[in-house]
């Protein structure tokens, strides 16, 4: 059980629910009676469960894909993975991927049912299709000969699914409409999520290059990857601030900007990355950036509600 928990990579889970929190609480704050309806809390619960399922599936698939390709080897800096260490067999991980895919799809189906019930059949089909695409995307990141993570497209998919789909998608389940204003925090969460992936790829640049895993970091090189990283984090911070200004309008209360507290660890993170010359030292920053993103989403969600 310990090895399966390690393979699930618990430190990545708070990041995965950030978009769900912001999208849900935005709906609670802007739709009449949304927060008081039991069915909407069921939607919230299954949204979290489904998202966590997608994240665990992605982590299992990543362990499997990099393990069988030999990308996870003795030259890799990060924590030793399950297949790499021999703690979990290739066949066992393959079965876990299938089981997690099925359970996540079931959770997504229940979520869709409570969101749309017997109406909006077209929406139900669309979100079911979206769920299947998300499962395929989670698996194909590193699995197979056409794995898009090995071609430098991981950043795009993370931005889309962790940012736009997560935040706008869950909000749509409550409101049945797309709120253009919500695109701003959705983009911010997406950029921060890409930042976590980019940090991981900066840490593994040398081993990825030797294994022909052509991430964006491998393609542009470590120095440019740092600049790219600064742009991701700073852009997310600015976008969130712009959203708050627009959302709050002409009124001003200091409590409305309480989310700025989360900027301090983000600024500290940027400073650490700037002065870091040893890729190994980037590993602790993964957890810091993931937790900072989660903290930002939690505070922003609470601020919107009150």
C-alpha atoms as a PDB file:
ATOM      1  CA  UNK A   1       0.000   0.000   0.000  1.00  0.00           C
ATOM      2  CA  UNK A   2       2.854   2.366   0.815  1.00  0.00           C
ATOM      3  CA  UNK A   3       4.319   1.960  -2.663  1.00  0.00           C
ATOM      4  CA  UNK A   4       0.954   2.580  -4.338  1.00  0.00           C
ATOM      5  CA  UNK A   5       0.507   5.758  -2.292  1.00  0.00           C
ATOM      6  CA  UNK A   6       3.967   6.877  -3.394  1.00  0.00           C
ATOM      7  CA  UNK A   7       3.099   6.080  -7.020  1.00  0.00           C
ATOM      8  CA  UNK A   8      -0.039   8.227  -6.691  1.00  0.00           C
ATOM      9  CA  UNK A   9       2.282  11.207  -5.883  1.00  0.00           C
ATOM     10  CA  UNK A  10       0.176  12.860  -3.215  1.00  0.00           C
ATOM     11  CA  UNK A  11       2.029  16.159  -3.468  1.00  0.00           C
ATOM     12  CA  UNK A  12       0.501  16.707  -6.937  1.00  0.00           C
ATOM     13  CA  UNK A  13      -3.098  16.261  -5.771  1.00  0.00           C
ATOM     14  CA  UNK A  14      -3.728  19.734  -4.234  1.00  0.00           C
ATOM     15  CA  UNK A  15      -2.703  21.310  -7.532  1.00  0.00           C
ATOM     16  CA  UNK A  16      -5.220  19.226  -9.467  1.00  0.00           C
ATOM     17  CA  UNK A  17      -8.229  20.506  -7.495  1.00  0.00           C
ATOM     18  CA  UNK A  18      -7.322  24.206  -7.682  1.00  0.00           C
ATOM     19  CA  UNK A  19      -9.431  24.832 -10.786  1.00  0.00           C
ATOM     20  CA  UNK A  20     -12.359  22.908  -9.282  1.00  0.00           C
ATOM     21  CA  UNK A  21     -12.312  25.139  -6.207  1.00  0.00           C
ATOM     22  CA  UNK A  22     -12.210  28.412  -8.132  1.00  0.00           C
ATOM     23  CA  UNK A  23     -14.810  27.362 -10.719  1.00  0.00           C
ATOM     24  CA  UNK A  24     -17.181  26.011  -8.059  1.00  0.00           C
ATOM     25  CA  UNK A  25     -16.962  28.909  -5.645  1.00  0.00           C
ATOM     26  CA  UNK A  26     -17.336  31.381  -8.501  1.00  0.00           C
ATOM     27  CA  UNK A  27     -20.651  29.675  -9.278  1.00  0.00           C
ATOM     28  CA  UNK A  28     -21.628  29.680  -5.586  1.00  0.00           C
ATOM     29  CA  UNK A  29     -20.941  33.406  -5.397  1.00  0.00           C
ATOM     30  CA  UNK A  30     -22.699  34.431  -8.606  1.00  0.00           C
ATOM     31  CA  UNK A  31     -25.660  32.072  -9.009  1.00  0.00           C
ATOM     32  CA  UNK A  32     -28.752  32.422  -6.819  1.00  0.00           C
ATOM     33  CA  UNK A  33     -29.333  29.551  -4.362  1.00  0.00           C
ATOM     34  CA  UNK A  34     -26.474  27.475  -5.810  1.00  0.00           C
ATOM     35  CA  UNK A  35     -24.732  27.128  -2.459  1.00  0.00           C
ATOM     36  CA  UNK A  36     -27.919  26.070  -0.664  1.00  0.00           C
ATOM     37  CA  UNK A  37     -28.874  23.239  -3.030  1.00  0.00           C
ATOM     38  CA  UNK A  38     -27.755  19.756  -1.949  1.00  0.00           C
ATOM     39  CA  UNK A  39     -27.385  18.597  -5.563  1.00  0.00           C
ATOM     40  CA  UNK A  40     -24.739  21.244  -6.180  1.00  0.00           C
ATOM     41  CA  UNK A  41     -22.671  20.006  -3.231  1.00  0.00           C
ATOM     42  CA  UNK A  42     -22.947  16.535  -4.751  1.00  0.00           C
ATOM     43  CA  UNK A  43     -21.617  18.010  -7.999  1.00  0.00           C
ATOM     44  CA  UNK A  44     -18.807  19.635  -6.028  1.00  0.00           C
ATOM     45  CA  UNK A  45     -17.898  16.367  -4.307  1.00  0.00           C
ATOM     46  CA  UNK A  46     -17.887  14.284  -7.473  1.00  0.00           C
ATOM     47  CA  UNK A  47     -15.962  17.022  -9.313  1.00  0.00           C
ATOM     48  CA  UNK A  48     -13.200  16.724  -6.732  1.00  0.00           C
ATOM     49  CA  UNK A  49     -13.307  12.924  -6.844  1.00  0.00           C
ATOM     50  CA  UNK A  50     -13.196  12.823 -10.650  1.00  0.00           C
ATOM     51  CA  UNK A  51     -10.348  15.324 -10.863  1.00  0.00           C
ATOM     52  CA  UNK A  52      -8.322  13.413  -8.289  1.00  0.00           C
ATOM     53  CA  UNK A  53      -8.982  10.272 -10.315  1.00  0.00           C
ATOM     54  CA  UNK A  54      -7.616  11.918 -13.453  1.00  0.00           C
ATOM     55  CA  UNK A  55      -4.520  13.083 -11.552  1.00  0.00           C
ATOM     56  CA  UNK A  56      -3.777   9.680 -10.008  1.00  0.00           C
ATOM     57  CA  UNK A  57      -4.338   8.058 -13.406  1.00  0.00           C
ATOM     58  CA  UNK A  58      -1.899  10.492 -14.972  1.00  0.00           C
ATOM     59  CA  UNK A  59       0.690   9.753 -12.282  1.00  0.00           C
ATOM     60  CA  UNK A  60       0.313   5.980 -12.695  1.00  0.00           C
ATOM     61  CA  UNK A  61       0.549   6.296 -16.483  1.00  0.00           C
ATOM     62  CA  UNK A  62       3.592   8.556 -16.187  1.00  0.00           C
ATOM     63  CA  UNK A  63       5.298   6.019 -13.944  1.00  0.00           C
ATOM     64  CA  UNK A  64       4.443   3.251 -16.411  1.00  0.00           C
ATOM     65  CA  UNK A  65       5.382   5.150 -19.584  1.00  0.00           C
ATOM     66  CA  UNK A  66       8.710   6.492 -18.333  1.00  0.00           C
ATOM     67  CA  UNK A  67       9.438   3.165 -16.634  1.00  0.00           C
ATOM     68  CA  UNK A  68       9.049   0.926 -19.677  1.00  0.00           C
ATOM     69  CA  UNK A  69      10.868   3.424 -21.910  1.00  0.00           C
ATOM     70  CA  UNK A  70      13.832   3.559 -19.533  1.00  0.00           C
ATOM     71  CA  UNK A  71      13.460   7.314 -19.012  1.00  0.00           C
ATOM     72  CA  UNK A  72      13.349   6.712 -15.259  1.00  0.00           C
ATOM     73  CA  UNK A  73      16.888   5.479 -14.713  1.00  0.00           C
ATOM     74  CA  UNK A  74      19.842   5.920 -12.380  1.00  0.00           C
ATOM     75  CA  UNK A  75      20.683   9.280 -13.990  1.00  0.00           C
ATOM     76  CA  UNK A  76      17.326  10.803 -13.099  1.00  0.00           C
ATOM     77  CA  UNK A  77      17.483  13.322 -10.236  1.00  0.00           C
ATOM     78  CA  UNK A  78      13.958  13.122  -8.839  1.00  0.00           C
ATOM     79  CA  UNK A  79      12.490  10.530  -6.448  1.00  0.00           C
ATOM     80  CA  UNK A  80      12.793   6.925  -7.608  1.00  0.00           C
ATOM     81  CA  UNK A  81       9.558   5.814  -9.260  1.00  0.00           C
ATOM     82  CA  UNK A  82       7.644   2.613  -8.525  1.00  0.00           C
ATOM     83  CA  UNK A  83       8.498   0.675 -11.688  1.00  0.00           C
ATOM     84  CA  UNK A  84      12.041   2.022 -11.738  1.00  0.00           C
ATOM     85  CA  UNK A  85      12.629   0.750  -8.196  1.00  0.00           C
ATOM     86  CA  UNK A  86      10.946  -2.592  -8.870  1.00  0.00           C
ATOM     87  CA  UNK A  87       8.475  -2.039  -6.012  1.00  0.00           C
ATOM     88  CA  UNK A  88       5.555  -2.336  -8.460  1.00  0.00           C
ATOM     89  CA  UNK A  89       5.679  -4.559 -11.552  1.00  0.00           C
ATOM     90  CA  UNK A  90       4.864  -3.363 -15.064  1.00  0.00           C
ATOM     91  CA  UNK A  91       1.846  -5.661 -15.238  1.00  0.00           C
ATOM     92  CA  UNK A  92       0.504  -4.483 -11.881  1.00  0.00           C
ATOM     93  CA  UNK A  93       0.823  -0.852 -12.933  1.00  0.00           C
ATOM     94  CA  UNK A  94      -0.927  -1.591 -16.231  1.00  0.00           C
ATOM     95  CA  UNK A  95      -3.844  -3.138 -14.307  1.00  0.00           C
ATOM     96  CA  UNK A  96      -3.911  -0.131 -11.961  1.00  0.00           C
ATOM     97  CA  UNK A  97      -4.148   2.217 -14.950  1.00  0.00           C
ATOM     98  CA  UNK A  98      -7.123   0.284 -16.338  1.00  0.00           C
ATOM     99  CA  UNK A  99      -8.906   0.121 -12.971  1.00  0.00           C
ATOM    100  CA  UNK A 100      -8.306   3.820 -12.254  1.00  0.00           C
ATOM    101  CA  UNK A 101      -9.566   4.724 -15.746  1.00  0.00           C
ATOM    102  CA  UNK A 102     -12.795   2.776 -15.204  1.00  0.00           C
ATOM    103  CA  UNK A 103     -13.404   4.169 -11.714  1.00  0.00           C
ATOM    104  CA  UNK A 104     -12.721   7.730 -12.886  1.00  0.00           C
ATOM    105  CA  UNK A 105     -15.077   7.332 -15.833  1.00  0.00           C
ATOM    106  CA  UNK A 106     -17.780   6.018 -13.470  1.00  0.00           C
ATOM    107  CA  UNK A 107     -17.244   9.010 -11.174  1.00  0.00           C
ATOM    108  CA  UNK A 108     -17.429  11.348 -14.184  1.00  0.00           C
ATOM    109  CA  UNK A 109     -20.666   9.698 -15.329  1.00  0.00           C
ATOM    110  CA  UNK A 110     -22.270  10.156 -11.904  1.00  0.00           C
ATOM    111  CA  UNK A 111     -21.104  13.777 -11.911  1.00  0.00           C
ATOM    112  CA  UNK A 112     -22.657  14.358 -15.328  1.00  0.00           C
ATOM    113  CA  UNK A 113     -25.934  12.761 -14.238  1.00  0.00           C
ATOM    114  CA  UNK A 114     -26.320  15.017 -11.192  1.00  0.00           C
ATOM    115  CA  UNK A 115     -25.353  18.080 -13.238  1.00  0.00           C
ATOM    116  CA  UNK A 116     -27.833  17.583 -16.067  1.00  0.00           C
ATOM    117  CA  UNK A 117     -30.287  14.879 -14.894  1.00  0.00           C
ATOM    118  CA  UNK A 118     -32.818  14.153 -17.667  1.00  0.00           C
ATOM    119  CA  UNK A 119     -32.368  17.478 -19.449  1.00  0.00           C
ATOM    120  CA  UNK A 120     -29.599  18.849 -21.670  1.00  0.00           C
ATOM    121  CA  UNK A 121     -28.765  15.456 -23.183  1.00  0.00           C
ATOM    122  CA  UNK A 122     -26.375  17.149 -25.596  1.00  0.00           C
ATOM    123  CA  UNK A 123     -24.384  18.622 -22.712  1.00  0.00           C
ATOM    124  CA  UNK A 124     -24.245  15.186 -21.070  1.00  0.00           C
ATOM    125  CA  UNK A 125     -22.801  13.617 -24.199  1.00  0.00           C
ATOM    126  CA  UNK A 126     -20.286  16.444 -24.592  1.00  0.00           C
ATOM    127  CA  UNK A 127     -18.991  16.146 -21.026  1.00  0.00           C
ATOM    128  CA  UNK A 128     -18.849  12.351 -21.274  1.00  0.00           C
ATOM    129  CA  UNK A 129     -16.775  12.763 -24.436  1.00  0.00           C
ATOM    130  CA  UNK A 130     -14.614  15.316 -22.623  1.00  0.00           C
ATOM    131  CA  UNK A 131     -14.079  12.843 -19.788  1.00  0.00           C
ATOM    132  CA  UNK A 132     -12.974  10.130 -22.207  1.00  0.00           C
ATOM    133  CA  UNK A 133     -10.596  12.577 -23.903  1.00  0.00           C
ATOM    134  CA  UNK A 134      -9.176  13.533 -20.492  1.00  0.00           C
ATOM    135  CA  UNK A 135      -8.510   9.862 -19.701  1.00  0.00           C
ATOM    136  CA  UNK A 136      -6.772   9.365 -23.044  1.00  0.00           C
ATOM    137  CA  UNK A 137      -4.733  12.536 -22.517  1.00  0.00           C
ATOM    138  CA  UNK A 138      -3.684  11.412 -19.016  1.00  0.00           C
ATOM    139  CA  UNK A 139      -2.453   8.079 -20.362  1.00  0.00           C
ATOM    140  CA  UNK A 140      -0.910   9.237 -23.644  1.00  0.00           C
ATOM    141  CA  UNK A 141       1.331  11.810 -21.960  1.00  0.00           C
ATOM    142  CA  UNK A 142       4.113   9.233 -21.652  1.00  0.00           C
ATOM    143  CA  UNK A 143       2.569   5.917 -22.785  1.00  0.00           C
ATOM    144  CA  UNK A 144       3.025   4.604 -26.327  1.00  0.00           C
ATOM    145  CA  UNK A 145       5.171   5.518 -29.317  1.00  0.00           C
ATOM    146  CA  UNK A 146       3.137   8.678 -29.944  1.00  0.00           C
ATOM    147  CA  UNK A 147       3.340   9.980 -26.340  1.00  0.00           C
ATOM    148  CA  UNK A 148       2.897  13.744 -26.618  1.00  0.00           C
ATOM    149  CA  UNK A 149       4.993  14.423 -23.515  1.00  0.00           C
ATOM    150  CA  UNK A 150       8.005  13.206 -25.477  1.00  0.00           C
ATOM    151  CA  UNK A 151       7.287  15.721 -28.239  1.00  0.00           C
ATOM    152  CA  UNK A 152       7.042  18.870 -26.127  1.00  0.00           C
ATOM    153  CA  UNK A 153       3.243  19.186 -26.043  1.00  0.00           C
ATOM    154  CA  UNK A 154       2.795  18.469 -22.342  1.00  0.00           C
ATOM    155  CA  UNK A 155       2.621  22.152 -21.448  1.00  0.00           C
ATOM    156  CA  UNK A 156      -0.292  22.750 -23.825  1.00  0.00           C
ATOM    157  CA  UNK A 157      -2.336  19.862 -22.457  1.00  0.00           C
ATOM    158  CA  UNK A 158      -1.671  20.817 -18.836  1.00  0.00           C
ATOM    159  CA  UNK A 159      -2.794  24.390 -19.498  1.00  0.00           C
ATOM    160  CA  UNK A 160      -5.970  23.216 -21.219  1.00  0.00           C
ATOM    161  CA  UNK A 161      -7.038  20.504 -18.774  1.00  0.00           C
ATOM    162  CA  UNK A 162      -5.747  21.848 -15.439  1.00  0.00           C
ATOM    163  CA  UNK A 163      -6.689  25.427 -16.244  1.00  0.00           C
ATOM    164  CA  UNK A 164      -9.466  25.971 -18.776  1.00  0.00           C
ATOM    165  CA  UNK A 165     -11.316  22.645 -18.669  1.00  0.00           C
ATOM    166  CA  UNK A 166     -11.098  22.278 -14.898  1.00  0.00           C
ATOM    167  CA  UNK A 167     -12.203  25.803 -13.983  1.00  0.00           C
ATOM    168  CA  UNK A 168     -14.626  26.650 -16.794  1.00  0.00           C
ATOM    169  CA  UNK A 169     -15.911  23.082 -17.060  1.00  0.00           C
ATOM    170  CA  UNK A 170     -16.938  22.683 -13.435  1.00  0.00           C
ATOM    171  CA  UNK A 171     -18.532  26.139 -13.423  1.00  0.00           C
ATOM    172  CA  UNK A 172     -20.590  25.123 -16.449  1.00  0.00           C
ATOM    173  CA  UNK A 173     -21.933  22.117 -14.532  1.00  0.00           C
ATOM    174  CA  UNK A 174     -23.597  24.543 -12.106  1.00  0.00           C
ATOM    175  CA  UNK A 175     -24.485  27.502 -14.309  1.00  0.00           C
ATOM    176  CA  UNK A 176     -24.980  25.831 -17.748  1.00  0.00           C
ATOM    177  CA  UNK A 177     -23.112  28.745 -19.315  1.00  0.00           C
ATOM    178  CA  UNK A 178     -19.576  29.991 -19.898  1.00  0.00           C
ATOM    179  CA  UNK A 179     -18.685  33.153 -17.990  1.00  0.00           C
ATOM    180  CA  UNK A 180     -15.976  34.987 -19.918  1.00  0.00           C
ATOM    181  CA  UNK A 181     -14.746  36.716 -16.754  1.00  0.00           C
ATOM    182  CA  UNK A 182     -13.807  33.314 -15.313  1.00  0.00           C
ATOM    183  CA  UNK A 183     -11.342  32.763 -18.165  1.00  0.00           C
ATOM    184  CA  UNK A 184      -8.854  34.967 -16.294  1.00  0.00           C
ATOM    185  CA  UNK A 185      -8.438  32.817 -13.142  1.00  0.00           C
ATOM    186  CA  UNK A 186      -8.714  29.695 -15.325  1.00  0.00           C
ATOM    187  CA  UNK A 187      -5.699  30.900 -17.314  1.00  0.00           C
ATOM    188  CA  UNK A 188      -3.834  31.805 -14.115  1.00  0.00           C
ATOM    189  CA  UNK A 189      -4.295  28.317 -12.656  1.00  0.00           C
ATOM    190  CA  UNK A 190      -3.355  26.796 -16.000  1.00  0.00           C
ATOM    191  CA  UNK A 191      -0.131  28.821 -16.145  1.00  0.00           C
ATOM    192  CA  UNK A 192       0.836  27.879 -12.595  1.00  0.00           C
ATOM    193  CA  UNK A 193       0.137  24.219 -13.385  1.00  0.00           C
ATOM    194  CA  UNK A 194       2.371  24.473 -16.449  1.00  0.00           C
ATOM    195  CA  UNK A 195       4.944  26.026 -14.125  1.00  0.00           C
ATOM    196  CA  UNK A 196       4.944  22.853 -12.009  1.00  0.00           C
ATOM    197  CA  UNK A 197       5.484  20.730 -15.113  1.00  0.00           C
ATOM    198  CA  UNK A 198       8.204  23.060 -16.372  1.00  0.00           C
ATOM    199  CA  UNK A 199       9.969  22.905 -13.011  1.00  0.00           C
ATOM    200  CA  UNK A 200       9.854  19.115 -13.145  1.00  0.00           C
ATOM    201  CA  UNK A 201      11.286  19.187 -16.667  1.00  0.00           C
ATOM    202  CA  UNK A 202      14.051  21.614 -15.676  1.00  0.00           C
ATOM    203  CA  UNK A 203      15.070  19.237 -12.914  1.00  0.00           C
ATOM    204  CA  UNK A 204      15.145  16.287 -15.337  1.00  0.00           C
ATOM    205  CA  UNK A 205      16.589  18.128 -18.355  1.00  0.00           C
ATOM    206  CA  UNK A 206      19.771  16.067 -18.675  1.00  0.00           C
ATOM    207  CA  UNK A 207      18.187  12.640 -18.199  1.00  0.00           C
ATOM    208  CA  UNK A 208      15.262  13.576 -20.468  1.00  0.00           C
ATOM    209  CA  UNK A 209      17.632  14.670 -23.214  1.00  0.00           C
ATOM    210  CA  UNK A 210      19.587  11.426 -22.935  1.00  0.00           C
ATOM    211  CA  UNK A 211      16.319   9.463 -23.121  1.00  0.00           C
ATOM    212  CA  UNK A 212      15.010  11.411 -26.147  1.00  0.00           C
ATOM    213  CA  UNK A 213      12.179  12.899 -24.120  1.00  0.00           C
ATOM    214  CA  UNK A 214      11.988  16.211 -25.960  1.00  0.00           C
ATOM    215  CA  UNK A 215      10.194  18.423 -23.486  1.00  0.00           C
ATOM    216  CA  UNK A 216      10.044  22.164 -24.043  1.00  0.00           C
ATOM    217  CA  UNK A 217      12.952  22.496 -21.591  1.00  0.00           C
ATOM    218  CA  UNK A 218      15.050  20.082 -23.647  1.00  0.00           C
ATOM    219  CA  UNK A 219      14.160  21.973 -26.827  1.00  0.00           C
ATOM    220  CA  UNK A 220      14.925  25.471 -25.535  1.00  0.00           C
ATOM    221  CA  UNK A 221      17.651  24.691 -22.987  1.00  0.00           C
ATOM    222  CA  UNK A 222      17.897  25.366 -19.270  1.00  0.00           C
ATOM    223  CA  UNK A 223      18.593  29.122 -19.406  1.00  0.00           C
ATOM    224  CA  UNK A 224      15.622  29.921 -21.627  1.00  0.00           C
ATOM    225  CA  UNK A 225      13.486  27.509 -19.612  1.00  0.00           C
ATOM    226  CA  UNK A 226      14.128  29.660 -16.534  1.00  0.00           C
ATOM    227  CA  UNK A 227      12.931  32.769 -18.367  1.00  0.00           C
ATOM    228  CA  UNK A 228       9.895  30.811 -19.569  1.00  0.00           C
ATOM    229  CA  UNK A 229       9.268  29.820 -15.955  1.00  0.00           C
ATOM    230  CA  UNK A 230       9.376  33.417 -14.726  1.00  0.00           C
ATOM    231  CA  UNK A 231       6.892  34.398 -17.440  1.00  0.00           C
ATOM    232  CA  UNK A 232       4.503  31.620 -16.417  1.00  0.00           C
ATOM    233  CA  UNK A 233       4.468  32.516 -12.721  1.00  0.00           C
ATOM    234  CA  UNK A 234       4.480  36.310 -13.053  1.00  0.00           C
ATOM    235  CA  UNK A 235       1.777  36.228 -15.764  1.00  0.00           C
ATOM    236  CA  UNK A 236      -0.422  34.085 -13.497  1.00  0.00           C
ATOM    237  CA  UNK A 237       0.016  36.564 -10.644  1.00  0.00           C
ATOM    238  CA  UNK A 238      -0.823  39.557 -12.847  1.00  0.00           C
ATOM    239  CA  UNK A 239      -3.847  37.845 -14.411  1.00  0.00           C
ATOM    240  CA  UNK A 240      -5.232  36.966 -10.974  1.00  0.00           C
ATOM    241  CA  UNK A 241      -4.810  40.564  -9.820  1.00  0.00           C
ATOM    242  CA  UNK A 242      -6.548  41.869 -12.955  1.00  0.00           C
ATOM    243  CA  UNK A 243      -9.413  39.443 -12.345  1.00  0.00           C
ATOM    244  CA  UNK A 244      -9.784  40.685  -8.760  1.00  0.00           C
ATOM    245  CA  UNK A 245      -9.879  44.308  -9.875  1.00  0.00           C
ATOM    246  CA  UNK A 246     -12.543  43.558 -12.494  1.00  0.00           C
ATOM    247  CA  UNK A 247     -14.535  41.273 -10.188  1.00  0.00           C
ATOM    248  CA  UNK A 248     -14.571  43.739  -7.281  1.00  0.00           C
ATOM    249  CA  UNK A 249     -15.433  46.725  -9.466  1.00  0.00           C
ATOM    250  CA  UNK A 250     -15.289  50.192  -7.940  1.00  0.00           C
ATOM    251  CA  UNK A 251     -15.611  48.974  -4.357  1.00  0.00           C
ATOM    252  CA  UNK A 252     -12.483  48.259  -2.342  1.00  0.00           C
ATOM    253  CA  UNK A 253     -11.950  46.218   0.801  1.00  0.00           C
ATOM    254  CA  UNK A 254      -8.542  44.958   1.787  1.00  0.00           C
ATOM    255  CA  UNK A 255     -10.074  41.535   2.487  1.00  0.00           C
ATOM    256  CA  UNK A 256     -10.984  41.234  -1.193  1.00  0.00           C
ATOM    257  CA  UNK A 257      -7.275  41.006  -1.961  1.00  0.00           C
ATOM    258  CA  UNK A 258      -6.367  38.534   0.753  1.00  0.00           C
ATOM    259  CA  UNK A 259      -5.191  36.132  -1.970  1.00  0.00           C
ATOM    260  CA  UNK A 260      -2.100  38.335  -2.356  1.00  0.00           C
ATOM    261  CA  UNK A 261      -0.741  36.458   0.662  1.00  0.00           C
ATOM    262  CA  UNK A 262      -0.097  33.546  -1.719  1.00  0.00           C
ATOM    263  CA  UNK A 263       2.168  35.793  -3.793  1.00  0.00           C
ATOM    264  CA  UNK A 264       4.867  35.733  -1.112  1.00  0.00           C
ATOM    265  CA  UNK A 265       5.758  32.037  -1.522  1.00  0.00           C
ATOM    266  CA  UNK A 266       5.463  32.460  -5.297  1.00  0.00           C
ATOM    267  CA  UNK A 267       7.948  35.358  -5.243  1.00  0.00           C
ATOM    268  CA  UNK A 268      10.218  33.326  -2.967  1.00  0.00           C
ATOM    269  CA  UNK A 269       9.953  30.453  -5.438  1.00  0.00           C
ATOM    270  CA  UNK A 270      10.967  32.651  -8.377  1.00  0.00           C
ATOM    271  CA  UNK A 271      13.957  33.907  -6.387  1.00  0.00           C
ATOM    272  CA  UNK A 272      15.040  30.343  -5.562  1.00  0.00           C
ATOM    273  CA  UNK A 273      14.787  29.256  -9.197  1.00  0.00           C
ATOM    274  CA  UNK A 274      16.752  32.333 -10.297  1.00  0.00           C
ATOM    275  CA  UNK A 275      19.712  31.561  -8.038  1.00  0.00           C
ATOM    276  CA  UNK A 276      19.550  27.781  -8.477  1.00  0.00           C
ATOM    277  CA  UNK A 277      22.479  26.314 -10.396  1.00  0.00           C
ATOM    278  CA  UNK A 278      22.002  22.677  -9.352  1.00  0.00           C
ATOM    279  CA  UNK A 279      18.943  20.926 -10.898  1.00  0.00           C
ATOM    280  CA  UNK A 280      18.678  18.662  -7.855  1.00  0.00           C
ATOM    281  CA  UNK A 281      17.755  21.684  -5.721  1.00  0.00           C
ATOM    282  CA  UNK A 282      14.666  22.325  -7.836  1.00  0.00           C
ATOM    283  CA  UNK A 283      12.916  19.217  -6.530  1.00  0.00           C
ATOM    284  CA  UNK A 284      11.659  20.788  -3.232  1.00  0.00           C
ATOM    285  CA  UNK A 285      10.302  23.697  -5.255  1.00  0.00           C
ATOM    286  CA  UNK A 286       7.777  21.396  -6.942  1.00  0.00           C
ATOM    287  CA  UNK A 287       5.889  20.962  -3.688  1.00  0.00           C
ATOM    288  CA  UNK A 288       6.223  24.672  -2.851  1.00  0.00           C
ATOM    289  CA  UNK A 289       4.761  25.769  -6.188  1.00  0.00           C
ATOM    290  CA  UNK A 290       1.939  23.199  -6.073  1.00  0.00           C
ATOM    291  CA  UNK A 291       0.951  24.185  -2.522  1.00  0.00           C
ATOM    292  CA  UNK A 292       1.231  27.902  -3.366  1.00  0.00           C
ATOM    293  CA  UNK A 293      -1.149  27.411  -6.299  1.00  0.00           C
ATOM    294  CA  UNK A 294      -3.570  25.531  -4.050  1.00  0.00           C
ATOM    295  CA  UNK A 295      -3.302  28.261  -1.392  1.00  0.00           C
ATOM    296  CA  UNK A 296      -4.010  30.937  -3.990  1.00  0.00           C
ATOM    297  CA  UNK A 297      -7.085  29.065  -5.236  1.00  0.00           C
ATOM    298  CA  UNK A 298      -8.427  28.483  -1.715  1.00  0.00           C
ATOM    299  CA  UNK A 299      -8.097  32.106  -0.628  1.00  0.00           C
ATOM    300  CA  UNK A 300      -9.448  33.416  -3.942  1.00  0.00           C
ATOM    301  CA  UNK A 301     -12.434  31.071  -3.649  1.00  0.00           C
ATOM    302  CA  UNK A 302     -13.239  32.240  -0.128  1.00  0.00           C
ATOM    303  CA  UNK A 303     -12.825  35.899  -1.087  1.00  0.00           C
ATOM    304  CA  UNK A 304     -15.263  35.507  -4.004  1.00  0.00           C
ATOM    305  CA  UNK A 305     -17.834  33.862  -1.763  1.00  0.00           C
ATOM    306  CA  UNK A 306     -17.756  36.520   0.939  1.00  0.00           C
END
